[in-house]
């Protein structure tokens, strides 16, 4: 729910857009409950609204659940 993948939870990966697929990967990574995350371009292929949602979620997890993370971003915006 937190990454917005619930509406297409039963879809096949081939039926997802690039952004939906990216959000699904982030969701699967979070489901593993690792104490540290390494994310390479977690906001790539997302439409204009979802990068902010994903980054806000990662910041919240870091702040509230003390989840360590390394986030690689190549977008200078």
Protein backbone atom coordinates (compact mmCIF):
# COMPACT_ATOMS: atom_id res chain seq x y z
CA UNK A 1 0.00 0.00 0.00
CA UNK A 2 2.73 2.48 0.92
CA UNK A 3 4.30 2.34 -2.54
CA UNK A 4 0.99 2.36 -4.43
CA UNK A 5 1.25 -1.12 -5.93
CA UNK A 6 -1.94 -2.57 -4.42
CA UNK A 7 -4.10 -1.88 -7.52
CA UNK A 8 -1.89 -4.10 -9.68
CA UNK A 9 -0.79 -6.67 -7.10
CA UNK A 10 -2.18 -9.56 -9.18
CA UNK A 11 -0.78 -8.34 -12.52
CA UNK A 12 2.03 -10.06 -14.39
CA UNK A 13 5.32 -8.17 -14.60
CA UNK A 14 5.04 -8.02 -18.40
CA UNK A 15 1.74 -6.14 -18.06
CA UNK A 16 3.21 -3.38 -15.86
CA UNK A 17 4.62 -0.08 -17.05
CA UNK A 18 8.22 0.78 -16.23
CA UNK A 19 7.15 2.94 -13.30
CA UNK A 20 4.77 0.33 -11.92
CA UNK A 21 7.53 -2.26 -12.20
CA UNK A 22 9.96 0.05 -10.36
CA UNK A 23 7.46 0.61 -7.53
CA UNK A 24 6.90 -3.16 -7.32
CA UNK A 25 10.69 -3.70 -6.94
CA UNK A 26 10.83 -1.14 -4.11
CA UNK A 27 7.86 -2.89 -2.45
CA UNK A 28 9.55 -6.28 -2.67
CA UNK A 29 12.75 -4.83 -1.23
CA UNK A 30 10.85 -3.33 1.72
CA UNK A 31 9.00 -6.62 2.31
CA UNK A 32 12.33 -8.34 3.00
CA UNK A 33 12.71 -6.21 6.15
CA UNK A 34 16.45 -5.89 5.80
CA UNK A 35 18.14 -3.56 8.33
CA UNK A 36 19.83 -1.70 5.45
CA UNK A 37 18.71 -0.99 1.90
CA UNK A 38 20.87 -0.29 -1.12
CA UNK A 39 18.79 1.37 -3.83
CA UNK A 40 20.14 2.26 -7.26
CA UNK A 41 17.86 4.79 -8.96
CA UNK A 42 14.68 3.91 -6.99
CA UNK A 43 12.81 6.73 -8.72
CA UNK A 44 13.82 6.01 -12.32
CA UNK A 45 10.99 5.39 -14.82
CA UNK A 46 8.40 6.91 -12.48
CA UNK A 47 5.89 9.53 -13.56
CA UNK A 48 6.02 13.04 -12.14
CA UNK A 49 4.14 12.27 -8.87
CA UNK A 50 5.63 8.99 -7.72
CA UNK A 51 9.30 9.97 -7.19
CA UNK A 52 8.23 12.28 -4.37
CA UNK A 53 6.05 9.53 -2.86
CA UNK A 54 8.87 6.97 -2.93
CA UNK A 55 11.49 9.39 -1.55
CA UNK A 56 9.10 10.52 1.21
CA UNK A 57 8.49 6.87 2.14
CA UNK A 58 12.22 6.15 2.26
CA UNK A 59 12.83 9.24 4.41
CA UNK A 60 10.01 8.19 6.76
CA UNK A 61 11.43 4.66 7.08
CA UNK A 62 14.87 6.06 7.79
CA UNK A 63 13.59 8.52 10.37
CA UNK A 64 10.87 6.52 12.14
CA UNK A 65 12.08 2.93 11.79
CA UNK A 66 15.82 3.68 11.82
CA UNK A 67 16.24 1.82 8.54
CA UNK A 68 19.69 2.37 7.09
CA UNK A 69 19.96 2.99 3.38
CA UNK A 70 22.28 3.90 0.58
CA UNK A 71 20.42 5.60 -2.25
CA UNK A 72 22.13 6.23 -5.59
CA UNK A 73 20.57 8.97 -7.72
CA UNK A 74 21.86 10.26 -11.03
CA UNK A 75 19.14 12.87 -11.59
CA UNK A 76 20.46 16.29 -10.64
CA UNK A 77 16.96 17.73 -10.24
